[in-house]
C-alpha atoms as a PDB file:
ATOM      1  CA  MET A   1      95.776 117.807  94.997  1.00  0.00           C
ATOM      2  CA  THR A   2      98.755 119.734  93.715  1.00  0.00           C
ATOM      3  CA  GLU A   3      99.810 122.600  95.939  1.00  0.00           C
ATOM      4  CA  GLY A   4     100.712 121.716  99.491  1.00  0.00           C
ATOM      5  CA  ALA A   5     100.669 118.097 100.521  1.00  0.00           C
ATOM      6  CA  LEU A   6      99.984 118.523 104.239  1.00  0.00           C
ATOM      7  CA  ASP A   7      99.126 121.377 106.513  1.00  0.00           C
ATOM      8  CA  ASP A   8     101.166 120.383 109.568  1.00  0.00           C
ATOM      9  CA  LEU A   9     104.732 120.329 108.250  1.00  0.00           C
ATOM     10  CA  PRO A  10     107.364 122.842 109.411  1.00  0.00           C
ATOM     11  CA  GLY A  11     108.263 125.537 106.879  1.00  0.00           C
ATOM     12  CA  THR A  12     111.621 126.675 105.555  1.00  0.00           C
ATOM     13  CA  GLY A  13     112.708 130.251 105.249  1.00  0.00           C
ATOM     14  CA  SER A  14     112.968 130.237 101.451  1.00  0.00           C
ATOM     15  CA  VAL A  15     109.442 129.049 100.765  1.00  0.00           C
ATOM     16  CA  ARG A  16     107.237 132.045 100.176  1.00  0.00           C
ATOM     17  CA  ASN A  17     103.505 132.703  99.941  1.00  0.00           C
ATOM     18  CA  ILE A  18     102.493 129.132 100.600  1.00  0.00           C
ATOM     19  CA  GLU A  19      98.840 128.312 101.154  1.00  0.00           C
ATOM     20  CA  VAL A  20      98.144 124.784 102.300  1.00  0.00           C
ATOM     21  CA  SER A  21      94.719 123.251 102.150  1.00  0.00           C
ATOM     22  CA  ALA A  22      93.358 121.070 104.935  1.00  0.00           C
ATOM     23  CA  ASP A  23      91.721 118.995 102.196  1.00  0.00           C
ATOM     24  CA  ASP A  24      95.176 118.235 100.781  1.00  0.00           C
ATOM     25  CA  GLY A  25      96.279 117.015 104.174  1.00  0.00           C
ATOM     26  CA  ARG A  26      93.309 114.693 104.512  1.00  0.00           C
ATOM     27  CA  ALA A  27      93.830 113.423 100.968  1.00  0.00           C
ATOM     28  CA  PHE A  28      97.429 112.499 101.626  1.00  0.00           C
ATOM     29  CA  LEU A  29      96.523 110.799 104.908  1.00  0.00           C
ATOM     30  CA  SER A  30      93.966 108.702 103.028  1.00  0.00           C
ATOM     31  CA  ILE A  31      96.691 107.715 100.533  1.00  0.00           C
ATOM     32  CA  GLU A  32      98.967 106.631 103.364  1.00  0.00           C
ATOM     33  CA  ARG A  33      96.138 104.638 104.977  1.00  0.00           C
ATOM     34  CA  ARG A  34      95.259 102.904 101.733  1.00  0.00           C
ATOM     35  CA  MET A  35      98.881 102.037 101.026  1.00  0.00           C
ATOM     36  CA  GLU A  36      99.160 100.582 104.518  1.00  0.00           C
ATOM     37  CA  ILE A  37      96.111  98.424 103.752  1.00  0.00           C
ATOM     38  CA  VAL A  38      97.728  97.182 100.508  1.00  0.00           C
ATOM     39  CA  LYS A  39     100.959  96.435 102.344  1.00  0.00           C
ATOM     40  CA  THR A  40      99.111  94.528 105.073  1.00  0.00           C
ATOM     41  CA  ILE A  41      97.005  92.495 102.637  1.00  0.00           C
ATOM     42  CA  ASN A  42     100.080  91.641 100.570  1.00  0.00           C
ATOM     43  CA  MET A  43     101.845  90.485 103.725  1.00  0.00           C
ATOM     44  CA  HIS A  44      98.979  88.259 104.906  1.00  0.00           C
ATOM     45  CA  LYS A  45      97.689  87.342 101.408  1.00  0.00           C
ATOM     46  CA  SER A  46      94.132  88.051 102.556  1.00  0.00           C
ATOM     47  CA  ALA A  47      92.295  89.915 105.290  1.00  0.00           C
ATOM     48  CA  THR A  48      88.776  90.592 106.545  1.00  0.00           C
ATOM     49  CA  VAL A  49      87.365  94.046 107.149  1.00  0.00           C
ATOM     50  CA  ALA A  50      87.427  93.367 110.901  1.00  0.00           C
ATOM     51  CA  GLU A  51      91.115  92.430 110.784  1.00  0.00           C
ATOM     52  CA  ILE A  52      92.024  95.554 108.817  1.00  0.00           C
ATOM     53  CA  VAL A  53      90.037  97.712 111.258  1.00  0.00           C
ATOM     54  CA  GLU A  54      92.040  96.234 114.119  1.00  0.00           C
ATOM     55  CA  TRP A  55      95.374  96.630 112.341  1.00  0.00           C
ATOM     56  CA  ILE A  56      95.069 100.235 111.148  1.00  0.00           C
ATOM     57  CA  GLY A  57      92.514 101.708 113.565  1.00  0.00           C
ATOM     58  CA  ALA A  58      90.069 103.040 110.955  1.00  0.00           C
ATOM     59  CA  SER A  59      86.315 102.595 111.057  1.00  0.00           C
ATOM     60  CA  PRO A  60      84.658  99.669 109.205  1.00  0.00           C
ATOM     61  CA  ALA A  61      82.938 102.104 106.823  1.00  0.00           C
ATOM     62  CA  THR A  62      86.263 103.759 105.962  1.00  0.00           C
ATOM     63  CA  VAL A  63      87.936 100.396 105.404  1.00  0.00           C
ATOM     64  CA  ARG A  64      85.129  99.236 103.095  1.00  0.00           C
ATOM     65  CA  ARG A  65      85.410 102.440 101.027  1.00  0.00           C
ATOM     66  CA  ASP A  66      89.181 102.043 100.869  1.00  0.00           C
ATOM     67  CA  LEU A  67      88.917  98.414  99.764  1.00  0.00           C
ATOM     68  CA  SER A  68      86.466  99.358  97.001  1.00  0.00           C
ATOM     69  CA  TRP A  69      88.824 102.099  95.795  1.00  0.00           C
ATOM     70  CA  LEU A  70      91.854  99.809  95.910  1.00  0.00           C
ATOM     71  CA  ASP A  71      89.958  97.129  94.009  1.00  0.00           C
ATOM     72  CA  GLU A  72      89.047  99.669  91.306  1.00  0.00           C
ATOM     73  CA  GLN A  73      92.727 100.632  91.036  1.00  0.00           C
ATOM     74  CA  GLY A  74      93.695  96.987  90.563  1.00  0.00           C
ATOM     75  CA  LEU A  75      95.779  96.884  93.741  1.00  0.00           C
ATOM     76  CA  ILE A  76      93.774  94.232  95.632  1.00  0.00           C
ATOM     77  CA  VAL A  77      90.832  91.926  94.922  1.00  0.00           C
ATOM     78  CA  ARG A  78      87.669  92.753  96.857  1.00  0.00           C
ATOM     79  CA  THR A  79      85.952  89.729  98.353  1.00  0.00           C
ATOM     80  CA  ARG A  80      82.858  89.289 100.473  1.00  0.00           C
ATOM     81  CA  GLY A  81      83.818  90.611 103.900  1.00  0.00           C
ATOM     82  CA  GLY A  82      87.393  91.513 103.010  1.00  0.00           C
ATOM     83  CA  ALA A  83      90.059  91.372 100.300  1.00  0.00           C
ATOM     84  CA  THR A  84      92.876  89.234  98.919  1.00  0.00           C
ATOM     85  CA  ALA A  85      96.253  90.158  97.513  1.00  0.00           C
ATOM     86  CA  ILE A  86      96.869  90.196  93.787  1.00  0.00           C
ATOM     87  CA  ASP A  87      99.293  87.579  92.582  1.00  0.00           C
ATOM     88  CA  TYR A  88     102.087  89.390  90.769  1.00  0.00           C
ATOM     89  CA  PRO A  89     104.056  86.526  89.239  1.00  0.00           C
ATOM     90  CA  SER A  90     105.945  88.905  86.980  1.00  0.00           C
ATOM     91  CA  GLN A  91     107.016  91.370  89.660  1.00  0.00           C
ATOM     92  CA  ALA A  92     110.101  89.453  90.729  1.00  0.00           C
ATOM     93  CA  SER A  93     111.323  89.313  87.158  1.00  0.00           C
ATOM     94  CA  LEU A  94     110.403  92.967  86.632  1.00  0.00           C
ATOM     95  CA  ARG A  95     112.382  93.945  89.714  1.00  0.00           C
ATOM     96  CA  SER A  96     115.408  91.907  88.664  1.00  0.00           C
ATOM     97  CA  SER A  97     115.219  93.321  85.141  1.00  0.00           C
ATOM     98  CA  VAL A  98     115.682  96.933  86.289  1.00  0.00           C
ATOM     99  CA  PRO A  99     119.165  97.953  85.122  1.00  0.00           C
ATOM    100  CA  ALA A 100     121.815  99.111  87.572  1.00  0.00           C
ATOM    101  CA  TYR A 101     122.076 102.856  88.158  1.00  0.00           C
ATOM    102  CA  GLU A 102     125.186 103.254  85.996  1.00  0.00           C
ATOM    103  CA  GLN A 103     123.433 101.493  83.125  1.00  0.00           C
ATOM    104  CA  ARG A 104     120.307 103.643  83.499  1.00  0.00           C
ATOM    105  CA  LEU A 105     122.475 106.755  83.169  1.00  0.00           C
ATOM    106  CA  ASN A 106     123.404 105.573  79.669  1.00  0.00           C
ATOM    107  CA  GLU A 107     119.853 104.798  78.556  1.00  0.00           C
ATOM    108  CA  TYR A 108     117.807 107.335  76.565  1.00  0.00           C
ATOM    109  CA  VAL A 109     120.431 109.978  77.233  1.00  0.00           C
ATOM    110  CA  GLU A 110     119.137 112.563  74.726  1.00  0.00           C
ATOM    111  CA  GLU A 111     115.601 112.259  76.045  1.00  0.00           C
ATOM    112  CA  LYS A 112     116.763 112.614  79.641  1.00  0.00           C
ATOM    113  CA  GLN A 113     118.914 115.618  78.759  1.00  0.00           C
ATOM    114  CA  SER A 114     115.878 117.353  77.242  1.00  0.00           C
ATOM    115  CA  ILE A 115     113.762 116.472  80.275  1.00  0.00           C
ATOM    116  CA  GLY A 116     116.529 117.688  82.597  1.00  0.00           C
ATOM    117  CA  GLN A 117     116.787 121.015  80.811  1.00  0.00           C
ATOM    118  CA  CYS A 118     113.019 121.510  80.923  1.00  0.00           C
ATOM    119  CA  ALA A 119     112.938 120.659  84.619  1.00  0.00           C
ATOM    120  CA  ALA A 120     115.678 123.198  85.340  1.00  0.00           C
ATOM    121  CA  GLU A 121     113.634 125.899  83.607  1.00  0.00           C
ATOM    122  CA  HIS A 122     111.014 125.397  86.331  1.00  0.00           C
ATOM    123  CA  ILE A 123     113.586 125.944  89.080  1.00  0.00           C
ATOM    124  CA  HIS A 124     114.034 129.573  90.091  1.00  0.00           C
ATOM    125  CA  ASP A 125     116.665 131.429  92.086  1.00  0.00           C
ATOM    126  CA  GLY A 126     116.093 131.295  95.830  1.00  0.00           C
ATOM    127  CA  GLU A 127     113.930 128.172  95.829  1.00  0.00           C
ATOM    128  CA  THR A 128     114.248 125.075  97.963  1.00  0.00           C
ATOM    129  CA  ILE A 129     113.901 121.872  95.953  1.00  0.00           C
ATOM    130  CA  ILE A 130     114.179 118.109  96.341  1.00  0.00           C
ATOM    131  CA  LEU A 131     115.875 115.874  93.786  1.00  0.00           C
ATOM    132  CA  ASP A 132     115.317 112.169  94.321  1.00  0.00           C
ATOM    133  CA  ALA A 133     117.805 109.481  93.327  1.00  0.00           C
ATOM    134  CA  SER A 134     116.410 108.813  89.862  1.00  0.00           C
ATOM    135  CA  SER A 135     118.795 108.716  86.917  1.00  0.00           C
ATOM    136  CA  THR A 136     116.786 111.417  85.113  1.00  0.00           C
ATOM    137  CA  ASN A 137     117.484 113.892  87.918  1.00  0.00           C
ATOM    138  CA  HIS A 138     121.185 113.427  87.193  1.00  0.00           C
ATOM    139  CA  PHE A 139     120.531 115.263  83.917  1.00  0.00           C
ATOM    140  CA  VAL A 140     119.005 118.256  85.713  1.00  0.00           C
ATOM    141  CA  LEU A 141     122.283 119.066  87.456  1.00  0.00           C
ATOM    142  CA  PRO A 142     124.273 120.720  84.618  1.00  0.00           C
ATOM    143  CA  PHE A 143     121.504 123.280  84.210  1.00  0.00           C
ATOM    144  CA  LEU A 144     121.635 124.298  87.884  1.00  0.00           C
ATOM    145  CA  ALA A 145     125.209 125.607  87.762  1.00  0.00           C
ATOM    146  CA  LYS A 146     124.138 129.202  87.130  1.00  0.00           C
ATOM    147  CA  LYS A 147     121.164 129.270  89.486  1.00  0.00           C
ATOM    148  CA  ARG A 148     121.541 131.481  92.529  1.00  0.00           C
ATOM    149  CA  ASP A 149     120.736 130.804  96.179  1.00  0.00           C
ATOM    150  CA  LEU A 150     119.186 127.390  95.633  1.00  0.00           C
ATOM    151  CA  THR A 151     118.785 124.943  98.471  1.00  0.00           C
ATOM    152  CA  ILE A 152     118.914 121.411  97.054  1.00  0.00           C
ATOM    153  CA  ILE A 153     117.895 118.438  99.179  1.00  0.00           C
ATOM    154  CA  THR A 154     118.611 114.936  97.898  1.00  0.00           C
ATOM    155  CA  ASN A 155     118.778 111.334  99.032  1.00  0.00           C
ATOM    156  CA  SER A 156     121.137 110.396  96.197  1.00  0.00           C
ATOM    157  CA  LEU A 157     124.783 109.570  96.782  1.00  0.00           C
ATOM    158  CA  TYR A 158     125.610 110.219  93.107  1.00  0.00           C
ATOM    159  CA  ILE A 159     123.757 113.518  92.939  1.00  0.00           C
ATOM    160  CA  SER A 160     125.302 114.687  96.226  1.00  0.00           C
ATOM    161  CA  LYS A 161     128.780 114.085  94.821  1.00  0.00           C
ATOM    162  CA  GLU A 162     127.963 115.953  91.612  1.00  0.00           C
ATOM    163  CA  LEU A 163     126.520 118.871  93.581  1.00  0.00           C
ATOM    164  CA  VAL A 164     129.746 119.149  95.571  1.00  0.00           C
ATOM    165  CA  THR A 165     131.584 119.810  92.303  1.00  0.00           C
ATOM    166  CA  ILE A 166     128.973 122.320  91.117  1.00  0.00           C
ATOM    167  CA  SER A 167     128.953 124.195  94.448  1.00  0.00           C
ATOM    168  CA  GLU A 168     132.712 124.676  94.258  1.00  0.00           C
ATOM    169  CA  THR A 169     132.121 127.117  91.389  1.00  0.00           C
ATOM    170  CA  ASN A 170     128.767 128.350  92.690  1.00  0.00           C
ATOM    171  CA  PRO A 171     129.027 128.883  96.457  1.00  0.00           C
ATOM    172  CA  SER A 172     125.488 130.323  96.582  1.00  0.00           C
ATOM    173  CA  LEU A 173     124.100 126.770  96.425  1.00  0.00           C
ATOM    174  CA  THR A 174     123.194 124.991  99.644  1.00  0.00           C
ATOM    175  CA  VAL A 175     123.323 121.196  99.397  1.00  0.00           C
ATOM    176  CA  ILE A 176     121.616 118.948 101.961  1.00  0.00           C
ATOM    177  CA  CYS A 177     121.926 115.169 101.848  1.00  0.00           C
ATOM    178  CA  SER A 178     119.311 113.227 103.765  1.00  0.00           C
ATOM    179  CA  GLY A 179     121.607 110.477 104.993  1.00  0.00           C
ATOM    180  CA  GLY A 180     120.168 107.120 105.911  1.00  0.00           C
ATOM    181  CA  THR A 181     120.705 103.511 104.889  1.00  0.00           C
ATOM    182  CA  LEU A 182     122.412 103.193 101.494  1.00  0.00           C
ATOM    183  CA  PHE A 183     120.296 101.238  98.989  1.00  0.00           C
ATOM    184  CA  MET A 184     122.900  99.987  96.555  1.00  0.00           C
ATOM    185  CA  ARG A 185     120.463  99.360  93.715  1.00  0.00           C
ATOM    186  CA  SER A 186     120.042 103.100  93.160  1.00  0.00           C
ATOM    187  CA  TYR A 187     122.789 104.516  95.407  1.00  0.00           C
ATOM    188  CA  SER A 188     120.018 106.201  97.362  1.00  0.00           C
ATOM    189  CA  PHE A 189     119.584 106.770 101.072  1.00  0.00           C
ATOM    190  CA  ILE A 190     116.427 105.189 102.468  1.00  0.00           C
ATOM    191  CA  GLY A 191     114.988 104.140 105.817  1.00  0.00           C
ATOM    192  CA  MET A 192     113.930 105.880 108.998  1.00  0.00           C
ATOM    193  CA  ILE A 193     116.854 108.322 109.100  1.00  0.00           C
ATOM    194  CA  ALA A 194     116.212 109.539 105.551  1.00  0.00           C
ATOM    195  CA  GLU A 195     112.471 109.836 106.160  1.00  0.00           C
ATOM    196  CA  GLN A 196     112.972 111.745 109.408  1.00  0.00           C
ATOM    197  CA  ALA A 197     115.440 114.139 107.786  1.00  0.00           C
ATOM    198  CA  LEU A 198     113.081 114.894 104.902  1.00  0.00           C
ATOM    199  CA  SER A 199     110.148 115.424 107.272  1.00  0.00           C
ATOM    200  CA  GLN A 200     111.901 118.515 108.674  1.00  0.00           C
ATOM    201  CA  PHE A 201     111.548 120.431 105.417  1.00  0.00           C
ATOM    202  CA  TYR A 202     108.770 122.026 103.443  1.00  0.00           C
ATOM    203  CA  VAL A 203     110.005 122.763  99.941  1.00  0.00           C
ATOM    204  CA  ASP A 204     108.893 124.623  96.845  1.00  0.00           C
ATOM    205  CA  LYS A 205     109.214 121.693  94.448  1.00  0.00           C
ATOM    206  CA  ALA A 206     110.090 118.001  94.448  1.00  0.00           C
ATOM    207  CA  PHE A 207     111.447 116.391  91.282  1.00  0.00           C
ATOM    208  CA  ILE A 208     110.822 112.656  91.265  1.00  0.00           C
ATOM    209  CA  GLY A 209     111.601 109.904  88.780  1.00  0.00           C
ATOM    210  CA  LEU A 210     110.054 106.457  88.706  1.00  0.00           C
ATOM    211  CA  ARG A 211     109.867 103.181  86.841  1.00  0.00           C
ATOM    212  CA  GLY A 212     106.183 103.148  85.984  1.00  0.00           C
ATOM    213  CA  ILE A 213     103.340 105.599  85.400  1.00  0.00           C
ATOM    214  CA  SER A 214      99.839 104.473  84.488  1.00  0.00           C
ATOM    215  CA  LEU A 215      96.505 106.200  84.069  1.00  0.00           C
ATOM    216  CA  HIS A 216      94.773 103.524  86.158  1.00  0.00           C
ATOM    217  CA  HIS A 217      97.498 102.562  88.645  1.00  0.00           C
ATOM    218  CA  GLY A 218      99.306 105.867  89.189  1.00  0.00           C
ATOM    219  CA  LEU A 219     102.990 106.157  90.097  1.00  0.00           C
ATOM    220  CA  THR A 220     104.615 102.822  90.899  1.00  0.00           C
ATOM    221  CA  SER A 221     107.973 101.226  91.629  1.00  0.00           C
ATOM    222  CA  PRO A 222     109.273  97.648  91.798  1.00  0.00           C
ATOM    223  CA  PHE A 223     111.335  98.578  94.857  1.00  0.00           C
ATOM    224  CA  GLN A 224     109.293  98.731  98.052  1.00  0.00           C
ATOM    225  CA  GLU A 225     112.388  99.924  99.908  1.00  0.00           C
ATOM    226  CA  GLU A 226     112.241 103.312  98.176  1.00  0.00           C
ATOM    227  CA  ILE A 227     108.521 103.971  98.542  1.00  0.00           C
ATOM    228  CA  PRO A 228     108.424 105.599 102.025  1.00  0.00           C
ATOM    229  CA  VAL A 229     111.152 108.107 101.106  1.00  0.00           C
ATOM    230  CA  LYS A 230     109.456 109.057  97.837  1.00  0.00           C
ATOM    231  CA  ARG A 231     106.153 109.534  99.670  1.00  0.00           C
ATOM    232  CA  GLN A 232     107.841 111.738 102.241  1.00  0.00           C
ATOM    233  CA  MET A 233     109.279 113.871  99.429  1.00  0.00           C
ATOM    234  CA  ILE A 234     105.788 114.245  97.975  1.00  0.00           C
ATOM    235  CA  LYS A 235     104.393 115.022 101.411  1.00  0.00           C
ATOM    236  CA  CYS A 236     106.714 117.958 102.051  1.00  0.00           C
ATOM    237  CA  ALA A 237     106.555 119.576  98.594  1.00  0.00           C
ATOM    238  CA  ARG A 238     104.298 122.424  97.518  1.00  0.00           C
ATOM    239  CA  GLN A 239     104.498 121.192  93.928  1.00  0.00           C
ATOM    240  CA  VAL A 240     105.377 117.690  92.698  1.00  0.00           C
ATOM    241  CA  PHE A 241     107.156 117.314  89.356  1.00  0.00           C
ATOM    242  CA  ILE A 242     107.390 113.872  87.794  1.00  0.00           C
ATOM    243  CA  LEU A 243     110.234 113.322  85.313  1.00  0.00           C
ATOM    244  CA  ALA A 244     109.521 110.335  83.063  1.00  0.00           C
ATOM    245  CA  ASP A 245     110.791 109.459  79.608  1.00  0.00           C
ATOM    246  CA  HIS A 246     108.424 107.838  77.114  1.00  0.00           C
ATOM    247  CA  THR A 247     109.379 104.274  78.110  1.00  0.00           C
ATOM    248  CA  LYS A 248     107.871 104.652  81.606  1.00  0.00           C
ATOM    249  CA  PHE A 249     104.238 104.982  80.531  1.00  0.00           C
ATOM    250  CA  ASN A 250     101.648 102.202  80.827  1.00  0.00           C
ATOM    251  CA  LEU A 251     104.001 100.293  83.126  1.00  0.00           C
ATOM    252  CA  THR A 252     102.752  99.145  86.534  1.00  0.00           C
ATOM    253  CA  SER A 253     104.889  97.719  89.331  1.00  0.00           C
ATOM    254  CA  ALA A 254     103.645  96.100  92.524  1.00  0.00           C
ATOM    255  CA  SER A 255     104.339  99.050  94.854  1.00  0.00           C
ATOM    256  CA  LEU A 256     102.243 102.184  94.584  1.00  0.00           C
ATOM    257  CA  ILE A 257     104.005 105.475  95.298  1.00  0.00           C
ATOM    258  CA  ALA A 258     100.966 107.727  94.876  1.00  0.00           C
ATOM    259  CA  PRO A 259      97.993 108.339  92.561  1.00  0.00           C
ATOM    260  CA  LEU A 260      98.380 110.662  89.572  1.00  0.00           C
ATOM    261  CA  ASP A 261      96.332 113.468  91.085  1.00  0.00           C
ATOM    262  CA  ILE A 262      99.166 114.469  93.442  1.00  0.00           C
ATOM    263  CA  VAL A 263     101.253 115.523  90.421  1.00  0.00           C
ATOM    264  CA  HIS A 264     101.486 119.227  89.609  1.00  0.00           C
ATOM    265  CA  THR A 265     103.640 118.881  86.479  1.00  0.00           C
ATOM    266  CA  LEU A 266     104.708 115.940  84.337  1.00  0.00           C
ATOM    267  CA  ILE A 267     107.786 116.459  82.147  1.00  0.00           C
ATOM    268  CA  THR A 268     108.435 113.905  79.432  1.00  0.00           C
ATOM    269  CA  ASP A 269     110.141 113.669  76.041  1.00  0.00           C
ATOM    270  CA  ALA A 270     108.783 114.177  72.544  1.00  0.00           C
ATOM    271  CA  ARG A 271     108.459 110.448  71.872  1.00  0.00           C
ATOM    272  CA  ILE A 272     105.396 110.146  74.094  1.00  0.00           C
ATOM    273  CA  THR A 273     102.367 109.252  71.977  1.00  0.00           C
ATOM    274  CA  PRO A 274      99.593 111.836  71.572  1.00  0.00           C
ATOM    275  CA  GLU A 275      97.099 109.417  73.127  1.00  0.00           C
ATOM    276  CA  ILE A 276      99.157 108.909  76.287  1.00  0.00           C
ATOM    277  CA  ALA A 277      99.741 112.664  76.510  1.00  0.00           C
ATOM    278  CA  ARG A 278      95.968 113.220  76.378  1.00  0.00           C
ATOM    279  CA  GLN A 279      95.411 110.562  79.049  1.00  0.00           C
ATOM    280  CA  MET A 280      97.938 112.160  81.371  1.00  0.00           C
ATOM    281  CA  ARG A 281      96.475 115.622  80.808  1.00  0.00           C
ATOM    282  CA  SER A 282      93.048 114.355  81.865  1.00  0.00           C
ATOM    283  CA  ILE A 283      94.388 114.110  85.427  1.00  0.00           C
ATOM    284  CA  ILE A 284      97.655 116.088  85.628  1.00  0.00           C
ATOM    285  CA  PRO A 285      97.267 119.887  85.349  1.00  0.00           C
ATOM    286  CA  ASN A 286     100.539 120.493  83.491  1.00  0.00           C
ATOM    287  CA  VAL A 287     102.061 118.113  80.963  1.00  0.00           C
ATOM    288  CA  VAL A 288     105.297 119.485  79.505  1.00  0.00           C
ATOM    289  CA  ILE A 289     106.792 117.918  76.389  1.00  0.00           C
ATOM    290  CA  ALA A 290     110.538 118.451  76.111  1.00  0.00           C
ATOM    291  CA  PRO A 291     111.822 119.558  72.697  1.00  0.00           C
ATOM    292  CA  GLY A 292     112.202 116.857  70.025  1.00  0.00           C
ATOM    293  CA  ILE A 293     115.529 115.149  69.544  1.00  0.00           C
ATOM    294  CA  GLU A 294     117.165 116.303  66.307  1.00  0.00           C
ATOM    295  CA  GLY A 295     117.338 113.470  63.813  1.00  0.00           C
ATOM    296  CA  SER A 296     115.116 111.154  65.855  1.00  0.00           C
ATOM    297  CA  GLY A 297     112.009 111.666  63.767  1.00  0.00           C
ATOM    298  CA  PHE A 298     110.065 112.693  66.878  1.00  0.00           C
ATOM    299  CA  THR A 299     109.320 116.349  67.586  1.00  0.00           C
ATOM    300  CA  SER A 300     106.916 118.148  69.834  1.00  0.00           C
ATOM    301  CA  SER A 301     105.016 119.290  66.732  1.00  0.00           C
ATOM    302  CA  LEU A 302     103.677 115.736  66.417  1.00  0.00           C
ATOM    303  CA  LEU A 303     101.607 116.368  69.507  1.00  0.00           C
ATOM    304  CA  PRO A 304      98.381 118.390  69.593  1.00  0.00           C
ATOM    305  CA  SER A 305      98.846 121.904  70.933  1.00  0.00           C
ATOM    306  CA  THR A 306      95.697 121.691  73.057  1.00  0.00           C
ATOM    307  CA  ASN A 307      95.747 120.354  76.611  1.00  0.00           C
ATOM    308  CA  ILE A 308      99.528 120.100  76.793  1.00  0.00           C
ATOM    309  CA  VAL A 309     102.383 122.520  77.253  1.00  0.00           C
ATOM    310  CA  GLU A 310     105.210 122.237  74.776  1.00  0.00           C
ATOM    311  CA  ALA A 311     108.553 123.433  76.048  1.00  0.00           C
ATOM    312  CA  PRO A 312     110.136 126.176  73.938  1.00  0.00           C
END
């Protein structure tokens, strides 16, 4: 599932030649249902099939299939007649260990600059895009200054402020901020207002950062507060781009954003290991390796040329 997340979202004038599959719509609805099951089981610690059927309105057969899938993904523990929540004793410490936004901006700067430049090369004049509130998206902005007629939608307070400065010298840019409840941890707008605002758009591309990406557990975050907004961004995008430096791989947080198969393109830096790159390529159609950092000892030539795309 890469092009077109749902078939019932309103379009925008700048999105051209979009074909949306009904199968993609059903797939995303099943993701939402499964994530609601995880949320419910985590809240109650355990649940029977009958209770889940009553809570979410799905059939018993559907719930049983969902529980089996969630158990395989390591998100719940399947039991006879129901499921129990997984005990994540380390999640509280993982959540508290996430650096503040300002600190994240100063981490792995060269890698994020390379990723940002690569991401910008996939953004074309006249497109409508979403940039989430991740620190890596901050490094996309300098490369957008010369783009023409872009519409940029964001839920980031920091990115909105930077785009104001850029648009002063490039009035062809249209900047839309979602609004909503300010989540101070990431200076992002979340909540019902942000979700409703994003639901009114159907965009060419969404560029999303995250704290964890895993072959078995997909795209995850330690912050449940941000999950609904990120899912809405995925839902309204024709193509989903994940921006993740090499430190984000094989990390799993308690809150699932989405499985890997919703990703159209993954952009990472040259310090990703060849094995992880191969794992990602087994599911994600396009894996782009940003150019190596001069003097780091890591270059894209360390990676096999098959099954991945190396940025020029």
